[in-house]
Amino acid sequence: MEDKINYGTIKNINKKEQNIVLTEEWDKTFPKSEKVNHRKVTFNNRFGITLVADLYEPKEYKGRLAGVAVAGPFGAVKEQASGLYAQEMAERGFLAIAFDPSFTGESTGTPRYVASPDINTEDFQAAVDFLSVQDNVDKGKIGIIGICGWGGLALNVASIDTRIKATVCSTMYNMSRVNHKGYFDLTTEDELYELKKKLNAQRIEDFKNENYELAGGVIDPLPEDAPFYVQDYYDYYKTKRGYHKRSLNSNNGWNITSSLSFINTPQNTFSNEIRNAVLIIHGEKAHSCYFSKDAYSDMIKDSKYTENKELMIIPNAVHTDLYDRKDIIPFDKIESFFKKNLNS
């Protein structure tokens, strides 16, 4: 059943201007834990967009908890991998939220299905704002987890937000790099120029049509000759394992011209200035593993803050294994990393 949000406890929201509808039923891609309490919450970012999150907290605890904000994968919703991570962290004693980024899922923002390195970095900071003012959260003990493309964005946030004391990047993508250089950095300068021409021509069509054309989610049906990484995505987003009706990757994808802002805006430029603790996790067999290896190298290069940085490679794991495979995701390591660096 779906119903409109109760605004009774939400401040600074104009009911008439918001059109937030929250699903009350459990519609996640993972089972509900009986060890935690769950509820929907909302908060605003500095662009005036209302973000919707699932909040998970232990059923029994004393004092103030360490808080963790989780987002990703890029093109997913909070009912998928980020929610599983958040619920697991709550089982382990943290208050955790998994949120839908701006323009996606149950969060507001128009036009729909837009991505932006600036706005999406702000989304994470707004989640930290929210955690910082909760009565049952110690604002000095806040961490973040970014999955896939949100792993790269998590590093972006960690380099600017001093309130964050620990950052986990899981199976990360650098969305600026992959949009600018293509998969495995194979896009040539001429190919990039042609892509820019195509995307800017699409802007004109979108303007004329007063509608933003979508790029399409994961290809379906799956071609017989699809590369392994496409098969990997299909196995998660297009099957019962991970399909969700609000997920961009499971359905019609981002709007096509979203790529332009990532092409022109490098991420993680200042990652070697990060002082908070960072744990980067990736599967050994993942097509995307080079993003994490390079991000770690860039982060520690010429940095004075390397002692609390770590790269963890999971043997034989592929990219989506770290979305939902609880037998592969190193939650014990993530828990100990946060407890050590958040002093919780």
Protein backbone atom coordinates (compact mmCIF):
# COMPACT_ATOMS: atom_id res chain seq x y z
CA MET A 1 0.00 0.00 0.00
CA GLU A 2 1.22 3.49 -0.79
CA ASP A 3 0.30 6.60 1.14
CA LYS A 4 1.43 10.20 1.41
CA ILE A 5 4.05 11.04 3.98
CA ASN A 6 3.01 12.33 7.37
CA TYR A 7 4.63 15.75 7.61
CA GLY A 8 3.93 16.17 11.30
CA THR A 9 7.55 15.85 12.38
CA ILE A 10 9.21 17.31 9.30
CA LYS A 11 10.29 20.94 9.43
CA ASN A 12 10.62 23.47 6.62
CA ILE A 13 8.61 21.53 4.08
CA ASN A 14 5.80 23.16 2.14
CA LYS A 15 3.18 20.44 1.83
CA LYS A 16 1.67 21.93 -1.32
CA GLU A 17 4.98 22.04 -3.15
CA GLN A 18 6.04 18.49 -2.30
CA ASN A 19 4.69 15.39 -3.94
CA ILE A 20 6.24 12.67 -1.85
CA VAL A 21 4.62 9.27 -1.82
CA LEU A 22 6.25 6.66 0.39
CA THR A 23 5.74 2.94 0.02
CA GLU A 24 4.80 1.51 3.38
CA GLU A 25 5.08 -2.17 2.48
CA TRP A 26 8.42 -4.00 2.68
CA ASP A 27 9.49 -3.94 -0.96
CA LYS A 28 13.23 -4.54 -0.61
CA THR A 29 15.27 -7.06 -2.58
CA PHE A 30 16.50 -8.58 0.71
CA PRO A 31 14.69 -10.11 3.72
CA LYS A 32 13.63 -7.91 6.63
CA SER A 33 15.70 -8.37 9.77
CA GLU A 34 13.90 -8.94 13.06
CA LYS A 35 16.91 -7.54 14.91
CA VAL A 36 16.40 -3.91 13.85
CA ASN A 37 13.74 -1.24 13.71
CA HIS A 38 13.00 0.30 10.33
CA ARG A 39 11.22 3.47 9.26
CA LYS A 40 11.17 6.00 6.43
CA VAL A 41 12.69 9.45 6.99
CA THR A 42 13.16 12.56 4.85
CA PHE A 43 15.61 15.45 4.79
CA ASN A 44 16.51 18.30 2.42
CA ASN A 45 19.77 18.99 0.63
CA ARG A 46 21.01 22.51 -0.08
CA PHE A 47 19.51 22.42 -3.57
CA GLY A 48 16.06 22.20 -2.01
CA ILE A 49 15.52 18.56 -2.96
CA THR A 50 13.87 16.30 -0.41
CA LEU A 51 15.68 13.00 -0.04
CA VAL A 52 13.89 9.90 1.20
CA ALA A 53 15.79 7.32 3.22
CA ASP A 54 15.23 4.06 5.03
CA LEU A 55 16.48 4.30 8.61
CA TYR A 56 17.65 1.15 10.38
CA GLU A 57 18.56 1.02 14.08
CA PRO A 58 19.19 -1.79 16.57
CA LYS A 59 16.10 -2.80 18.55
CA GLU A 60 18.12 -2.67 21.74
CA TYR A 61 20.90 -0.22 22.49
CA LYS A 62 22.14 2.21 25.13
CA GLY A 63 23.33 5.78 24.71
CA ARG A 64 24.09 7.41 21.40
CA LEU A 65 25.02 5.35 18.39
CA ALA A 66 27.56 5.84 15.65
CA GLY A 67 25.79 6.85 12.43
CA VAL A 68 26.40 5.55 8.91
CA ALA A 69 24.95 6.86 5.63
CA VAL A 70 24.87 4.46 2.68
CA ALA A 71 24.24 5.08 -1.03
CA GLY A 72 24.60 3.22 -4.30
CA PRO A 73 25.07 1.49 -6.62
CA PHE A 74 24.86 4.16 -9.31
CA GLY A 75 21.42 3.81 -10.85
CA ALA A 76 20.05 1.69 -8.00
CA VAL A 77 17.59 2.58 -5.23
CA LYS A 78 17.69 2.19 -1.47
CA GLU A 79 15.62 -0.97 -1.66
CA GLN A 80 18.58 -2.73 -3.27
CA ALA A 81 22.23 -3.00 -2.17
CA SER A 82 22.47 0.15 -0.05
CA GLY A 83 19.52 -0.96 2.07
CA LEU A 84 21.07 -4.36 2.62
CA TYR A 85 24.30 -2.70 3.80
CA ALA A 86 22.40 -0.31 6.07
CA GLN A 87 20.33 -3.05 7.65
CA GLU A 88 23.43 -5.15 8.22
CA MET A 89 25.21 -2.24 9.90
CA ALA A 90 22.20 -1.71 12.18
CA GLU A 91 22.35 -5.38 13.18
CA ARG A 92 25.95 -4.69 14.18
CA GLY A 93 25.07 -1.76 16.43
CA PHE A 94 25.01 1.31 14.19
CA LEU A 95 22.21 3.66 13.23
CA ALA A 96 22.26 3.52 9.45
CA ILE A 97 20.36 5.19 6.64
CA ALA A 98 20.17 4.20 2.98
CA PHE A 99 18.91 7.05 0.81
CA ASP A 100 17.63 7.59 -2.70
CA PRO A 101 19.76 10.21 -4.49
CA SER A 102 18.22 13.38 -5.89
CA PHE A 103 15.87 12.87 -8.85
CA THR A 104 15.59 9.11 -8.26
CA GLY A 105 13.53 6.59 -6.32
CA GLU A 106 11.22 8.13 -3.76
CA SER A 107 13.30 11.31 -3.48
CA THR A 108 12.10 14.49 -5.17
CA GLY A 109 13.67 16.63 -7.88
CA THR A 110 12.76 17.29 -11.48
CA PRO A 111 13.49 16.48 -14.19
CA ARG A 112 13.65 12.86 -13.11
CA TYR A 113 16.62 10.55 -13.47
CA VAL A 114 19.34 13.22 -13.58
CA ALA A 115 22.81 12.59 -12.18
CA SER A 116 25.28 15.30 -11.18
CA PRO A 117 28.67 15.01 -9.45
CA ASP A 118 27.94 18.22 -7.54
CA ILE A 119 24.37 17.45 -6.47
CA ASN A 120 25.16 13.82 -5.68
CA THR A 121 28.13 14.84 -3.54
CA GLU A 122 25.75 17.19 -1.75
CA ASP A 123 23.28 14.34 -1.25
CA PHE A 124 25.84 12.52 0.89
CA GLN A 125 26.58 15.69 2.86
CA ALA A 126 22.86 16.22 3.46
CA ALA A 127 22.69 12.68 4.84
CA VAL A 128 25.50 13.62 7.25
CA ASP A 129 23.48 16.73 8.20
CA PHE A 130 20.55 14.50 9.04
CA LEU A 131 22.57 12.04 11.11
CA SER A 132 24.32 14.86 12.98
CA VAL A 133 21.09 16.17 14.54
CA GLN A 134 19.51 12.88 15.60
CA ASP A 135 19.10 12.59 19.36
CA ASN A 136 20.36 9.00 19.35
CA VAL A 137 23.44 9.63 17.17
CA ASP A 138 26.84 10.83 18.34
CA LYS A 139 27.66 13.52 15.78
CA GLY A 140 31.38 12.91 16.35
CA LYS A 141 30.98 9.31 15.14
CA ILE A 142 29.68 9.43 11.59
CA GLY A 143 30.81 7.34 8.64
CA ILE A 144 29.66 6.74 5.07
CA ILE A 145 29.52 3.77 2.70
CA GLY A 146 29.44 4.25 -1.07
CA ILE A 147 28.77 1.34 -3.41
CA CYS A 148 29.77 1.23 -7.10
CA GLY A 149 29.55 4.77 -8.56
CA TRP A 150 28.71 6.03 -5.11
CA GLY A 151 32.06 4.67 -3.93
CA GLY A 152 33.76 7.28 -6.08
CA LEU A 153 31.34 9.91 -4.83
CA ALA A 154 32.04 8.83 -1.24
CA LEU A 155 35.71 9.63 -1.78
CA ASN A 156 34.67 12.97 -3.20
CA VAL A 157 32.67 13.67 -0.05
CA ALA A 158 35.42 12.45 2.26
CA SER A 159 37.80 15.03 0.81
CA ILE A 160 35.48 17.95 1.67
CA ASP A 161 33.39 16.94 4.71
CA THR A 162 35.42 16.99 7.92
CA ARG A 163 32.48 15.65 9.93
CA ILE A 164 33.02 12.23 8.34
CA LYS A 165 35.43 10.14 10.39
CA ALA A 166 35.47 6.95 8.32
CA THR A 167 34.65 6.09 4.70
CA VAL A 168 34.06 2.74 3.02
CA CYS A 169 34.07 2.42 -0.78
CA SER A 170 32.76 -0.91 -2.03
CA THR A 171 33.23 -2.16 -5.64
CA MET A 172 33.70 1.47 -6.64
CA TYR A 173 33.41 3.23 -9.98
CA ASN A 174 34.77 6.64 -10.84
CA MET A 175 31.80 7.90 -12.88
CA SER A 176 33.72 10.88 -14.24
CA ARG A 177 36.50 8.66 -15.54
CA VAL A 178 34.23 6.05 -17.13
CA ASN A 179 32.12 8.73 -18.84
CA HIS A 180 35.17 10.62 -20.09
CA LYS A 181 37.43 7.71 -21.03
CA GLY A 182 35.01 4.83 -21.47
CA TYR A 183 35.32 1.36 -20.01
CA PHE A 184 38.97 0.40 -19.44
CA ASP A 185 40.00 3.90 -20.67
CA LEU A 186 39.60 2.84 -24.31
CA THR A 187 37.75 5.91 -25.66
CA THR A 188 39.89 7.94 -28.06
CA GLU A 189 39.90 11.74 -28.23
CA ASP A 190 37.94 11.67 -31.50
CA GLU A 191 35.41 9.22 -30.08
CA LEU A 192 34.95 11.47 -27.06
CA TYR A 193 34.38 14.48 -29.31
CA GLU A 194 31.74 12.58 -31.28
CA LEU A 195 30.08 11.58 -28.01
CA LYS A 196 29.95 15.22 -26.92
CA LYS A 197 28.38 16.17 -30.25
CA LYS A 198 25.77 13.45 -29.85
CA LEU A 199 24.92 14.44 -26.27
CA ASN A 200 24.61 18.13 -27.13
CA ALA A 201 22.40 17.30 -30.10
CA GLN A 202 20.24 15.35 -27.66
CA ARG A 203 19.93 18.47 -25.51
CA ILE A 204 18.26 20.26 -28.44
CA GLU A 205 15.85 17.36 -28.97
CA ASP A 206 15.02 17.28 -25.27
CA PHE A 207 14.42 21.03 -25.27
CA LYS A 208 12.11 20.83 -28.27
CA ASN A 209 10.23 17.85 -26.87
CA GLU A 210 10.07 19.28 -23.34
CA ASN A 211 11.11 15.84 -22.20
CA TYR A 212 14.42 14.18 -21.32
CA GLU A 213 15.17 11.05 -23.32
CA LEU A 214 16.31 8.12 -21.18
CA ALA A 215 19.40 6.10 -21.98
CA GLY A 216 17.91 2.75 -21.05
CA GLY A 217 18.90 0.55 -18.13
CA VAL A 218 20.75 -2.76 -18.30
CA ILE A 219 20.21 -4.28 -21.76
CA ASP A 220 17.36 -6.76 -21.96
CA PRO A 221 17.17 -9.29 -23.51
CA LEU A 222 20.80 -10.12 -22.94
CA PRO A 223 22.75 -10.62 -26.20
CA GLU A 224 24.57 -13.93 -26.52
CA ASP A 225 27.86 -12.12 -27.10
CA ALA A 226 27.46 -9.65 -24.21
CA PRO A 227 30.72 -8.96 -22.33
CA PHE A 228 30.97 -10.54 -18.90
CA TYR A 229 30.43 -7.27 -17.04
CA VAL A 230 27.11 -6.77 -18.87
CA GLN A 231 26.12 -10.33 -17.95
CA ASP A 232 27.10 -9.53 -14.36
CA TYR A 233 24.84 -6.48 -14.26
CA TYR A 234 21.98 -8.38 -15.92
CA ASP A 235 22.23 -11.11 -13.30
CA TYR A 236 21.62 -8.53 -10.58
CA TYR A 237 19.35 -5.84 -12.00
CA LYS A 238 17.17 -7.89 -14.34
CA THR A 239 16.48 -11.00 -12.25
CA LYS A 240 14.66 -11.72 -9.00
CA ARG A 241 18.01 -11.38 -7.27
CA GLY A 242 18.05 -7.58 -7.54
CA TYR A 243 15.28 -6.23 -9.78
CA HIS A 244 13.29 -3.30 -8.36
CA LYS A 245 10.52 -1.37 -10.05
CA ARG A 246 12.03 2.02 -9.10
CA SER A 247 15.61 1.14 -10.01
CA LEU A 248 16.94 3.03 -13.02
CA ASN A 249 19.28 0.20 -13.97
CA SER A 250 16.46 -2.33 -13.73
CA ASN A 251 14.27 -0.25 -16.04
CA ASN A 252 14.79 2.76 -18.35
CA GLY A 253 17.98 4.27 -16.96
CA TRP A 254 19.30 7.82 -16.51
CA ASN A 255 18.47 10.63 -18.89
CA ILE A 256 20.99 10.55 -21.71
CA THR A 257 22.52 13.98 -21.19
CA SER A 258 23.49 13.31 -17.55
CA SER A 259 26.81 12.05 -18.88
CA LEU A 260 27.88 15.58 -19.86
CA SER A 261 28.39 16.83 -16.30
CA PHE A 262 30.54 13.82 -15.40
CA ILE A 263 32.60 14.11 -18.59
CA ASN A 264 33.51 17.67 -17.64
CA THR A 265 33.88 17.30 -13.85
CA PRO A 266 36.73 15.11 -12.57
CA GLN A 267 36.11 13.38 -9.25
CA ASN A 268 38.56 12.69 -6.44
CA THR A 269 40.94 15.45 -7.51
CA PHE A 270 41.82 16.15 -3.88
CA SER A 271 41.60 12.63 -2.47
CA ASN A 272 45.16 12.80 -1.12
CA GLU A 273 43.94 15.49 1.28
CA ILE A 274 41.55 13.07 3.01
CA ARG A 275 42.39 12.79 6.68
CA ASN A 276 39.55 10.52 7.75
CA ALA A 277 40.01 6.76 7.59
CA VAL A 278 39.24 5.11 4.24
CA LEU A 279 38.69 1.44 3.42
CA ILE A 280 38.40 0.60 -0.28
CA ILE A 281 37.03 -2.89 -1.05
CA HIS A 282 36.90 -4.56 -4.44
CA GLY A 283 36.54 -7.98 -6.00
CA GLU A 284 39.66 -9.45 -7.60
CA LYS A 285 37.74 -10.61 -10.69
CA ALA A 286 35.61 -7.48 -11.05
CA HIS A 287 35.95 -5.70 -14.40
CA SER A 288 35.96 -2.47 -12.37
CA CYS A 289 38.78 -3.35 -9.98
CA TYR A 290 41.15 -0.89 -11.67
CA PHE A 291 39.03 2.00 -10.36
CA SER A 292 39.73 1.05 -6.75
CA LYS A 293 43.39 0.25 -7.29
CA ASP A 294 43.98 3.60 -8.99
CA ALA A 295 41.86 5.50 -6.48
CA TYR A 296 43.88 4.05 -3.62
CA SER A 297 47.17 4.91 -5.32
CA ASP A 298 46.03 8.46 -6.02
CA MET A 299 44.74 8.86 -2.46
CA ILE A 300 48.01 7.94 -0.80
CA LYS A 301 50.33 9.62 -3.32
CA ASP A 302 52.09 12.60 -1.72
CA SER A 303 49.70 12.29 1.23
CA LYS A 304 50.59 12.80 4.88
CA TYR A 305 47.59 10.75 5.95
CA THR A 306 48.25 7.19 4.79
CA GLU A 307 48.28 5.21 8.04
CA ASN A 308 44.48 4.96 8.17
CA LYS A 309 44.00 4.07 4.49
CA GLU A 310 43.50 0.52 3.26
CA LEU A 311 42.78 -1.35 0.02
CA MET A 312 41.14 -4.76 0.45
CA ILE A 313 40.88 -7.08 -2.57
CA ILE A 314 38.41 -9.97 -2.22
CA PRO A 315 39.72 -13.12 -3.96
CA ASN A 316 37.67 -14.36 -6.94
CA ALA A 317 34.81 -11.88 -6.37
CA VAL A 318 33.18 -10.07 -9.32
CA HIS A 319 31.64 -6.61 -9.34
CA THR A 320 28.07 -7.39 -8.23
CA ASP A 321 29.17 -9.93 -5.62
CA LEU A 322 29.71 -6.93 -3.35
CA TYR A 323 26.15 -5.74 -3.95
CA ASP A 324 24.36 -8.49 -2.08
CA ARG A 325 26.48 -11.60 -1.46
CA LYS A 326 26.64 -11.60 2.32
CA ASP A 327 28.95 -14.60 2.14
CA ILE A 328 31.43 -12.45 0.19
CA ILE A 329 30.94 -8.86 1.42
CA PRO A 330 33.44 -8.47 4.30
CA PHE A 331 30.96 -7.11 6.84
CA ASP A 332 33.14 -8.21 9.77
CA LYS A 333 35.96 -6.10 8.36
CA ILE A 334 33.63 -3.14 7.71
CA GLU A 335 32.29 -3.37 11.27
CA SER A 336 35.76 -3.49 12.85
CA PHE A 337 36.94 -0.66 10.59
CA PHE A 338 34.08 1.61 11.70
CA LYS A 339 34.33 0.66 15.36
CA LYS A 340 38.03 1.39 15.37
CA ASN A 341 37.85 4.69 13.51
CA LEU A 342 34.59 5.94 15.03
CA ASN A 343 35.65 4.82 18.50
CA SER A 344 32.30 3.11 18.91
